[in-house]
């Protein structure tokens, strides 16, 4: 099975905990949810920051994305907390 590599970016409080970003290699056909689960599986800070109980938003190539979006080689996957304000 072939693999893809996506660029990870973290914003706001996630950046403070996890740094600006890195890369992640996944099986071809992986979704945003698969990427999040792979990061959670690493344990430590990533498991805490991206835990399923936490509200975390995602964007693929700077477009808001659901967890069902299928990733492609070279995509930029960003995670960030929900934005609030008024």
Protein backbone atom coordinates (compact mmCIF):
# COMPACT_ATOMS: atom_id res chain seq x y z
CA UNK A 1 0.00 0.00 0.00
CA UNK A 2 1.34 3.42 -0.85
CA UNK A 3 1.80 6.21 1.64
CA UNK A 4 1.31 9.96 1.64
CA UNK A 5 3.03 12.68 3.61
CA UNK A 6 1.08 15.70 4.80
CA UNK A 7 2.36 18.91 6.34
CA UNK A 8 0.99 19.55 9.83
CA UNK A 9 0.34 22.99 11.24
CA UNK A 10 -0.99 23.89 14.66
CA UNK A 11 -2.52 27.20 15.68
CA UNK A 12 -3.39 29.13 18.85
CA UNK A 13 -3.27 27.05 22.04
CA UNK A 14 -2.37 23.91 20.05
CA UNK A 15 0.74 25.64 18.71
CA UNK A 16 1.73 26.57 22.25
CA UNK A 17 1.55 22.90 23.26
CA UNK A 18 2.72 21.12 20.11
CA UNK A 19 4.89 23.61 18.24
CA UNK A 20 4.34 25.09 14.81
CA UNK A 21 4.12 21.83 12.92
CA UNK A 22 5.85 18.89 11.31
CA UNK A 23 5.00 16.19 8.80
CA UNK A 24 2.99 13.01 9.10
CA UNK A 25 3.14 9.93 6.89
CA UNK A 26 -0.11 8.00 6.48
CA UNK A 27 -1.48 5.24 4.26
CA UNK A 28 -2.94 6.53 0.99
CA UNK A 29 -6.67 7.16 1.35
CA UNK A 30 -6.37 8.38 4.95
CA UNK A 31 -8.80 10.99 6.22
CA UNK A 32 -8.47 13.95 8.57
CA UNK A 33 -9.85 11.65 11.31
CA UNK A 34 -7.14 9.07 10.56
CA UNK A 35 -4.47 11.75 10.87
CA UNK A 36 -5.87 12.98 14.18
CA UNK A 37 -6.01 9.40 15.50
CA UNK A 38 -2.41 8.78 14.40
CA UNK A 39 -1.29 11.88 16.30
CA UNK A 40 -3.28 10.88 19.40
CA UNK A 41 -1.64 7.44 19.25
CA UNK A 42 1.77 9.08 19.64
CA UNK A 43 0.78 9.81 23.24
CA UNK A 44 2.06 12.56 25.51
CA UNK A 45 1.22 16.13 24.57
CA UNK A 46 -0.36 15.23 21.23
CA UNK A 47 -2.78 12.78 22.85
CA UNK A 48 -3.83 15.41 25.37
CA UNK A 49 -4.10 18.35 22.96
CA UNK A 50 -5.97 16.45 20.22
CA UNK A 51 -8.04 14.14 22.44
CA UNK A 52 -11.43 13.19 21.02
CA UNK A 53 -13.14 14.88 23.98
CA UNK A 54 -11.67 18.23 22.90
CA UNK A 55 -13.26 20.47 20.31
CA UNK A 56 -10.65 20.76 17.58
CA UNK A 57 -11.22 22.16 14.10
CA UNK A 58 -9.30 21.17 10.98
CA UNK A 59 -8.44 22.75 7.66
CA UNK A 60 -6.95 21.14 4.58
CA UNK A 61 -5.02 23.49 2.31
CA UNK A 62 -6.51 26.46 4.19
CA UNK A 63 -10.12 25.32 3.68
CA UNK A 64 -12.25 24.22 6.63
CA UNK A 65 -12.55 20.44 6.53
CA UNK A 66 -14.58 17.73 8.22
CA UNK A 67 -12.91 14.64 9.58
CA UNK A 68 -14.17 12.69 6.55
CA UNK A 69 -12.01 14.62 4.05
CA UNK A 70 -9.51 12.33 2.32
CA UNK A 71 -5.95 13.62 2.35
CA UNK A 72 -3.58 13.66 -0.62
CA UNK A 73 0.21 13.76 -0.92
CA UNK A 74 1.56 17.17 0.08
CA UNK A 75 -1.66 18.50 1.64
CA UNK A 76 -1.36 20.96 4.48
CA UNK A 77 -3.42 19.81 7.46
CA UNK A 78 -4.00 22.39 10.15
CA UNK A 79 -5.55 21.87 13.57
CA UNK A 80 -6.84 24.67 15.76
CA UNK A 81 -9.28 25.23 18.62
CA UNK A 82 -12.72 26.67 17.86
CA UNK A 83 -12.61 30.44 17.49
CA UNK A 84 -14.81 32.43 19.81
CA UNK A 85 -15.33 36.13 20.12
CA UNK A 86 -17.80 38.84 19.68
